[in-house]
Amino acid sequence: MTTISADDIRALARSDDADPALAMDDGGVRLVPHAADTGGHIVYTKADLVRDYGEEITDVQAEVLAAGLTAQLA
């Protein structure tokens, strides 16, 4: 089972790339700099994160979001 961690969410939130996203790749999740350029399955983008939580995300929000995204992947 693939797990998304709160650290993955925090890395996405801190990313200064043009269009960062968390994407499935080779059975795992990784941060990609350009969502449109990845051949993998996009799990969540920074644009989604900002839309859903604003510019700042708390530790609790990161934990809850990570758990919810992990559950969606199962």
PDB file of N, CA and C in Angstrom:
ATOM      1  N   MET A   1       0.836  -1.191   0.000  1.00  0.00           N
ATOM      2  CA  MET A   1       0.000   0.000   0.000  1.00  0.00           C
ATOM      3  C   MET A   1       0.872   1.242   0.000  1.00  0.00           C
ATOM      4  N   THR A   2       0.515   2.199  -0.825  1.00  0.00           N
ATOM      5  CA  THR A   2       1.237   3.464  -0.896  1.00  0.00           C
ATOM      6  C   THR A   2       0.726   4.402   0.180  1.00  0.00           C
ATOM      7  N   THR A   3       1.640   5.047   0.865  1.00  0.00           N
ATOM      8  CA  THR A   3       1.286   5.971   1.929  1.00  0.00           C
ATOM      9  C   THR A   3       1.790   7.366   1.599  1.00  0.00           C
ATOM     10  N   ILE A   4       0.945   8.342   1.786  1.00  0.00           N
ATOM     11  CA  ILE A   4       1.339   9.742   1.670  1.00  0.00           C
ATOM     12  C   ILE A   4       1.507  10.257   3.084  1.00  0.00           C
ATOM     13  N   SER A   5       2.629  10.888   3.343  1.00  0.00           N
ATOM     14  CA  SER A   5       2.903  11.380   4.692  1.00  0.00           C
ATOM     15  C   SER A   5       2.642  12.882   4.799  1.00  0.00           C
ATOM     16  N   ALA A   6       2.550  13.347   6.021  1.00  0.00           N
ATOM     17  CA  ALA A   6       2.419  14.786   6.254  1.00  0.00           C
ATOM     18  C   ALA A   6       3.649  15.509   5.721  1.00  0.00           C
ATOM     19  N   ASP A   7       4.812  14.853   5.761  1.00  0.00           N
ATOM     20  CA  ASP A   7       6.026  15.455   5.208  1.00  0.00           C
ATOM     21  C   ASP A   7       5.896  15.657   3.698  1.00  0.00           C
ATOM     22  N   ASP A   8       5.231  14.724   3.002  1.00  0.00           N
ATOM     23  CA  ASP A   8       4.970  14.900   1.571  1.00  0.00           C
ATOM     24  C   ASP A   8       4.117  16.147   1.337  1.00  0.00           C
ATOM     25  N   ILE A   9       3.109  16.334   2.169  1.00  0.00           N
ATOM     26  CA  ILE A   9       2.223  17.492   2.043  1.00  0.00           C
ATOM     27  C   ILE A   9       2.995  18.777   2.334  1.00  0.00           C
ATOM     28  N   ARG A  10       3.827  18.762   3.361  1.00  0.00           N
ATOM     29  CA  ARG A  10       4.621  19.950   3.699  1.00  0.00           C
ATOM     30  C   ARG A  10       5.589  20.293   2.565  1.00  0.00           C
ATOM     31  N   ALA A  11       6.205  19.279   1.966  1.00  0.00           N
ATOM     32  CA  ALA A  11       7.125  19.513   0.842  1.00  0.00           C
ATOM     33  C   ALA A  11       6.384  20.137  -0.333  1.00  0.00           C
ATOM     34  N   LEU A  12       5.182  19.664  -0.598  1.00  0.00           N
ATOM     35  CA  LEU A  12       4.369  20.242  -1.660  1.00  0.00           C
ATOM     36  C   LEU A  12       4.058  21.707  -1.341  1.00  0.00           C
ATOM     37  N   ALA A  13       3.695  21.981  -0.110  1.00  0.00           N
ATOM     38  CA  ALA A  13       3.353  23.343   0.303  1.00  0.00           C
ATOM     39  C   ALA A  13       4.550  24.281   0.188  1.00  0.00           C
ATOM     40  N   ARG A  14       5.757  23.792   0.457  1.00  0.00           N
ATOM     41  CA  ARG A  14       6.965  24.622   0.417  1.00  0.00           C
ATOM     42  C   ARG A  14       7.557  24.768  -0.980  1.00  0.00           C
ATOM     43  N   SER A  15       7.131  23.949  -1.917  1.00  0.00           N
ATOM     44  CA  SER A  15       7.732  23.934  -3.243  1.00  0.00           C
ATOM     45  C   SER A  15       7.555  25.266  -3.962  1.00  0.00           C
ATOM     46  N   ASP A  16       8.636  25.738  -4.572  1.00  0.00           N
ATOM     47  CA  ASP A  16       8.610  26.966  -5.360  1.00  0.00           C
ATOM     48  C   ASP A  16       8.580  26.673  -6.852  1.00  0.00           C
ATOM     49  N   ASP A  17       8.406  25.403  -7.224  1.00  0.00           N
ATOM     50  CA  ASP A  17       8.358  25.039  -8.639  1.00  0.00           C
ATOM     51  C   ASP A  17       7.118  25.646  -9.295  1.00  0.00           C
ATOM     52  N   ALA A  18       7.101  25.630 -10.617  1.00  0.00           N
ATOM     53  CA  ALA A  18       6.033  26.281 -11.375  1.00  0.00           C
ATOM     54  C   ALA A  18       4.661  25.659 -11.146  1.00  0.00           C
ATOM     55  N   ASP A  19       4.572  24.339 -11.147  1.00  0.00           N
ATOM     56  CA  ASP A  19       3.294  23.643 -11.003  1.00  0.00           C
ATOM     57  C   ASP A  19       3.515  22.318 -10.280  1.00  0.00           C
ATOM     58  N   PRO A  20       3.967  22.369  -9.015  1.00  0.00           N
ATOM     59  CA  PRO A  20       4.316  21.138  -8.315  1.00  0.00           C
ATOM     60  C   PRO A  20       3.107  20.277  -7.991  1.00  0.00           C
ATOM     61  N   ALA A  21       3.374  18.976  -7.875  1.00  0.00           N
ATOM     62  CA  ALA A  21       2.314  18.030  -7.552  1.00  0.00           C
ATOM     63  C   ALA A  21       2.910  16.794  -6.909  1.00  0.00           C
ATOM     64  N   LEU A  22       2.080  16.063  -6.198  1.00  0.00           N
ATOM     65  CA  LEU A  22       2.437  14.737  -5.731  1.00  0.00           C
ATOM     66  C   LEU A  22       1.906  13.772  -6.775  1.00  0.00           C
ATOM     67  N   ALA A  23       2.760  12.872  -7.236  1.00  0.00           N
ATOM     68  CA  ALA A  23       2.374  11.940  -8.293  1.00  0.00           C
ATOM     69  C   ALA A  23       2.795  10.528  -7.933  1.00  0.00           C
ATOM     70  N   MET A  24       1.988   9.563  -8.369  1.00  0.00           N
ATOM     71  CA  MET A  24       2.344   8.148  -8.224  1.00  0.00           C
ATOM     72  C   MET A  24       3.391   7.839  -9.275  1.00  0.00           C
ATOM     73  N   ASP A  25       4.440   7.148  -8.841  1.00  0.00           N
ATOM     74  CA  ASP A  25       5.499   6.788  -9.772  1.00  0.00           C
ATOM     75  C   ASP A  25       6.183   5.533  -9.262  1.00  0.00           C
ATOM     76  N   ASP A  26       6.179   4.483 -10.032  1.00  0.00           N
ATOM     77  CA  ASP A  26       6.833   3.225  -9.669  1.00  0.00           C
ATOM     78  C   ASP A  26       6.402   2.721  -8.295  1.00  0.00           C
ATOM     79  N   GLY A  27       5.115   2.787  -8.018  1.00  0.00           N
ATOM     80  CA  GLY A  27       4.591   2.255  -6.777  1.00  0.00           C
ATOM     81  C   GLY A  27       4.724   3.156  -5.574  1.00  0.00           C
ATOM     82  N   GLY A  28       5.265   4.356  -5.753  1.00  0.00           N
ATOM     83  CA  GLY A  28       5.415   5.287  -4.650  1.00  0.00           C
ATOM     84  C   GLY A  28       4.894   6.659  -5.032  1.00  0.00           C
ATOM     85  N   VAL A  29       4.981   7.577  -4.106  1.00  0.00           N
ATOM     86  CA  VAL A  29       4.563   8.945  -4.356  1.00  0.00           C
ATOM     87  C   VAL A  29       5.807   9.823  -4.309  1.00  0.00           C
ATOM     88  N   ARG A  30       5.883  10.737  -5.283  1.00  0.00           N
ATOM     89  CA  ARG A  30       7.014  11.659  -5.274  1.00  0.00           C
ATOM     90  C   ARG A  30       6.535  13.046  -5.661  1.00  0.00           C
ATOM     91  N   LEU A  31       7.290  14.042  -5.271  1.00  0.00           N
ATOM     92  CA  LEU A  31       7.014  15.424  -5.619  1.00  0.00           C
ATOM     93  C   LEU A  31       7.600  15.683  -6.999  1.00  0.00           C
ATOM     94  N   VAL A  32       6.777  16.191  -7.914  1.00  0.00           N
ATOM     95  CA  VAL A  32       7.245  16.514  -9.259  1.00  0.00           C
ATOM     96  C   VAL A  32       7.124  18.021  -9.459  1.00  0.00           C
ATOM     97  N   PRO A  33       8.060  18.623 -10.207  1.00  0.00           N
ATOM     98  CA  PRO A  33       8.049  20.083 -10.363  1.00  0.00           C
ATOM     99  C   PRO A  33       6.964  20.613 -11.297  1.00  0.00           C
ATOM    100  N   HIS A  34       6.539  19.784 -12.246  1.00  0.00           N
ATOM    101  CA  HIS A  34       5.541  20.219 -13.223  1.00  0.00           C
ATOM    102  C   HIS A  34       4.490  19.120 -13.397  1.00  0.00           C
ATOM    103  N   ALA A  35       3.317  19.340 -12.862  1.00  0.00           N
ATOM    104  CA  ALA A  35       2.258  18.327 -12.899  1.00  0.00           C
ATOM    105  C   ALA A  35       1.964  17.863 -14.314  1.00  0.00           C
ATOM    106  N   ALA A  36       1.990  18.775 -15.266  1.00  0.00           N
ATOM    107  CA  ALA A  36       1.637  18.429 -16.646  1.00  0.00           C
ATOM    108  C   ALA A  36       2.695  17.563 -17.320  1.00  0.00           C
ATOM    109  N   ASP A  37       3.922  17.595 -16.825  1.00  0.00           N
ATOM    110  CA  ASP A  37       5.016  16.869 -17.475  1.00  0.00           C
ATOM    111  C   ASP A  37       5.193  15.437 -16.998  1.00  0.00           C
ATOM    112  N   THR A  38       4.440  15.034 -16.005  1.00  0.00           N
ATOM    113  CA  THR A  38       4.638  13.697 -15.455  1.00  0.00           C
ATOM    114  C   THR A  38       3.772  12.668 -16.176  1.00  0.00           C
ATOM    115  N   GLY A  39       4.325  11.500 -16.350  1.00  0.00           N
ATOM    116  CA  GLY A  39       3.560  10.414 -16.940  1.00  0.00           C
ATOM    117  C   GLY A  39       2.791   9.640 -15.891  1.00  0.00           C
ATOM    118  N   GLY A  40       3.053   9.937 -14.626  1.00  0.00           N
ATOM    119  CA  GLY A  40       2.406   9.228 -13.535  1.00  0.00           C
ATOM    120  C   GLY A  40       1.037   9.796 -13.205  1.00  0.00           C
ATOM    121  N   HIS A  41       0.375   9.145 -12.320  1.00  0.00           N
ATOM    122  CA  HIS A  41      -0.949   9.555 -11.855  1.00  0.00           C
ATOM    123  C   HIS A  41      -0.788  10.695 -10.848  1.00  0.00           C
ATOM    124  N   ILE A  42      -1.403  11.842 -11.121  1.00  0.00           N
ATOM    125  CA  ILE A  42      -1.350  12.973 -10.201  1.00  0.00           C
ATOM    126  C   ILE A  42      -2.282  12.693  -9.025  1.00  0.00           C
ATOM    127  N   VAL A  43      -1.737  12.819  -7.830  1.00  0.00           N
ATOM    128  CA  VAL A  43      -2.510  12.592  -6.618  1.00  0.00           C
ATOM    129  C   VAL A  43      -3.082  13.905  -6.096  1.00  0.00           C
ATOM    130  N   TYR A  44      -2.254  14.953  -6.064  1.00  0.00           N
ATOM    131  CA  TYR A  44      -2.674  16.240  -5.503  1.00  0.00           C
ATOM    132  C   TYR A  44      -1.691  17.291  -5.965  1.00  0.00           C
ATOM    133  N   THR A  45      -2.186  18.469  -6.329  1.00  0.00           N
ATOM    134  CA  THR A  45      -1.315  19.552  -6.801  1.00  0.00           C
ATOM    135  C   THR A  45      -1.231  20.660  -5.762  1.00  0.00           C
ATOM    136  N   LYS A  46      -0.243  21.502  -5.925  1.00  0.00           N
ATOM    137  CA  LYS A  46      -0.140  22.650  -5.022  1.00  0.00           C
ATOM    138  C   LYS A  46      -1.323  23.586  -5.243  1.00  0.00           C
ATOM    139  N   ALA A  47      -1.801  23.682  -6.470  1.00  0.00           N
ATOM    140  CA  ALA A  47      -2.979  24.509  -6.739  1.00  0.00           C
ATOM    141  C   ALA A  47      -4.176  23.992  -5.937  1.00  0.00           C
ATOM    142  N   ASP A  48      -4.330  22.653  -5.859  1.00  0.00           N
ATOM    143  CA  ASP A  48      -5.401  22.065  -5.037  1.00  0.00           C
ATOM    144  C   ASP A  48      -5.202  22.428  -3.570  1.00  0.00           C
ATOM    145  N   LEU A  49      -3.964  22.336  -3.130  1.00  0.00           N
ATOM    146  CA  LEU A  49      -3.633  22.612  -1.731  1.00  0.00           C
ATOM    147  C   LEU A  49      -3.987  24.052  -1.361  1.00  0.00           C
ATOM    148  N   VAL A  50      -3.587  24.993  -2.212  1.00  0.00           N
ATOM    149  CA  VAL A  50      -3.873  26.408  -1.951  1.00  0.00           C
ATOM    150  C   VAL A  50      -5.378  26.660  -2.002  1.00  0.00           C
ATOM    151  N   ARG A  51      -6.067  26.039  -2.957  1.00  0.00           N
ATOM    152  CA  ARG A  51      -7.515  26.203  -3.056  1.00  0.00           C
ATOM    153  C   ARG A  51      -8.227  25.673  -1.800  1.00  0.00           C
ATOM    154  N   ASP A  52      -7.765  24.511  -1.318  1.00  0.00           N
ATOM    155  CA  ASP A  52      -8.438  23.856  -0.193  1.00  0.00           C
ATOM    156  C   ASP A  52      -8.035  24.395   1.180  1.00  0.00           C
ATOM    157  N   TYR A  53      -6.775  24.847   1.317  1.00  0.00           N
ATOM    158  CA  TYR A  53      -6.268  25.222   2.641  1.00  0.00           C
ATOM    159  C   TYR A  53      -5.661  26.614   2.719  1.00  0.00           C
ATOM    160  N   GLY A  54      -5.499  27.295   1.612  1.00  0.00           N
ATOM    161  CA  GLY A  54      -4.858  28.599   1.620  1.00  0.00           C
ATOM    162  C   GLY A  54      -3.342  28.454   1.513  1.00  0.00           C
ATOM    163  N   GLU A  55      -2.652  29.541   1.684  1.00  0.00           N
ATOM    164  CA  GLU A  55      -1.194  29.566   1.520  1.00  0.00           C
ATOM    165  C   GLU A  55      -0.440  28.849   2.642  1.00  0.00           C
ATOM    166  N   GLU A  56      -1.048  28.743   3.800  1.00  0.00           N
ATOM    167  CA  GLU A  56      -0.409  28.100   4.953  1.00  0.00           C
ATOM    168  C   GLU A  56      -1.179  26.843   5.331  1.00  0.00           C
ATOM    169  N   ILE A  57      -0.452  25.794   5.676  1.00  0.00           N
ATOM    170  CA  ILE A  57      -1.097  24.563   6.142  1.00  0.00           C
ATOM    171  C   ILE A  57      -0.520  24.208   7.509  1.00  0.00           C
ATOM    172  N   THR A  58      -1.391  23.882   8.437  1.00  0.00           N
ATOM    173  CA  THR A  58      -0.933  23.511   9.775  1.00  0.00           C
ATOM    174  C   THR A  58      -0.501  22.049   9.781  1.00  0.00           C
ATOM    175  N   ASP A  59       0.190  21.655  10.835  1.00  0.00           N
ATOM    176  CA  ASP A  59       0.605  20.258  10.977  1.00  0.00           C
ATOM    177  C   ASP A  59      -0.599  19.324  11.032  1.00  0.00           C
ATOM    178  N   VAL A  60      -1.643  19.732  11.723  1.00  0.00           N
ATOM    179  CA  VAL A  60      -2.844  18.903  11.833  1.00  0.00           C
ATOM    180  C   VAL A  60      -3.506  18.753  10.462  1.00  0.00           C
ATOM    181  N   GLN A  61      -3.610  19.849   9.719  1.00  0.00           N
ATOM    182  CA  GLN A  61      -4.191  19.783   8.383  1.00  0.00           C
ATOM    183  C   GLN A  61      -3.363  18.885   7.471  1.00  0.00           C
ATOM    184  N   ALA A  62      -2.040  18.973   7.572  1.00  0.00           N
ATOM    185  CA  ALA A  62      -1.165  18.126   6.752  1.00  0.00           C
ATOM    186  C   ALA A  62      -1.377  16.656   7.081  1.00  0.00           C
ATOM    187  N   GLU A  63      -1.513  16.331   8.358  1.00  0.00           N
ATOM    188  CA  GLU A  63      -1.744  14.946   8.781  1.00  0.00           C
ATOM    189  C   GLU A  63      -3.089  14.431   8.261  1.00  0.00           C
ATOM    190  N   VAL A  64      -4.127  15.244   8.399  1.00  0.00           N
ATOM    191  CA  VAL A  64      -5.468  14.839   7.966  1.00  0.00           C
ATOM    192  C   VAL A  64      -5.512  14.678   6.449  1.00  0.00           C
ATOM    193  N   LEU A  65      -4.930  15.625   5.725  1.00  0.00           N
ATOM    194  CA  LEU A  65      -4.903  15.545   4.268  1.00  0.00           C
ATOM    195  C   LEU A  65      -4.128  14.317   3.805  1.00  0.00           C
ATOM    196  N   ALA A  66      -2.975  14.064   4.418  1.00  0.00           N
ATOM    197  CA  ALA A  66      -2.167  12.895   4.044  1.00  0.00           C
ATOM    198  C   ALA A  66      -2.959  11.604   4.271  1.00  0.00           C
ATOM    199  N   ALA A  67      -3.637  11.506   5.386  1.00  0.00           N
ATOM    200  CA  ALA A  67      -4.430  10.311   5.677  1.00  0.00           C
ATOM    201  C   ALA A  67      -5.559  10.158   4.667  1.00  0.00           C
ATOM    202  N   GLY A  68      -6.232  11.234   4.336  1.00  0.00           N
ATOM    203  CA  GLY A  68      -7.320  11.173   3.367  1.00  0.00           C
ATOM    204  C   GLY A  68      -6.851  10.778   1.978  1.00  0.00           C
ATOM    205  N   LEU A  69      -5.724  11.344   1.547  1.00  0.00           N
ATOM    206  CA  LEU A  69      -5.187  10.986   0.227  1.00  0.00           C
ATOM    207  C   LEU A  69      -4.715   9.532   0.209  1.00  0.00           C
ATOM    208  N   THR A  70      -4.103   9.085   1.290  1.00  0.00           N
ATOM    209  CA  THR A  70      -3.685   7.687   1.378  1.00  0.00           C
ATOM    210  C   THR A  70      -4.888   6.755   1.278  1.00  0.00           C
ATOM    211  N   ALA A  71      -5.958   7.103   1.956  1.00  0.00           N
ATOM    212  CA  ALA A  71      -7.176   6.276   1.909  1.00  0.00           C
ATOM    213  C   ALA A  71      -7.748   6.229   0.491  1.00  0.00           C
ATOM    214  N   GLN A  72      -7.670   7.322  -0.245  1.00  0.00           N
ATOM    215  CA  GLN A  72      -8.176   7.359  -1.615  1.00  0.00           C
ATOM    216  C   GLN A  72      -7.369   6.443  -2.532  1.00  0.00           C
ATOM    217  N   LEU A  73      -6.089   6.268  -2.214  1.00  0.00           N
ATOM    218  CA  LEU A  73      -5.223   5.426  -3.051  1.00  0.00           C
ATOM    219  C   LEU A  73      -5.449   3.946  -2.814  1.00  0.00           C
ATOM    220  N   ALA A  74      -6.046   3.613  -1.670  1.00  0.00           N
ATOM    221  CA  ALA A  74      -6.232   2.202  -1.311  1.00  0.00           C
ATOM    222  C   ALA A  74      -7.306   1.542  -2.126  1.00  0.00           C
TER     223      ALA A  74
END
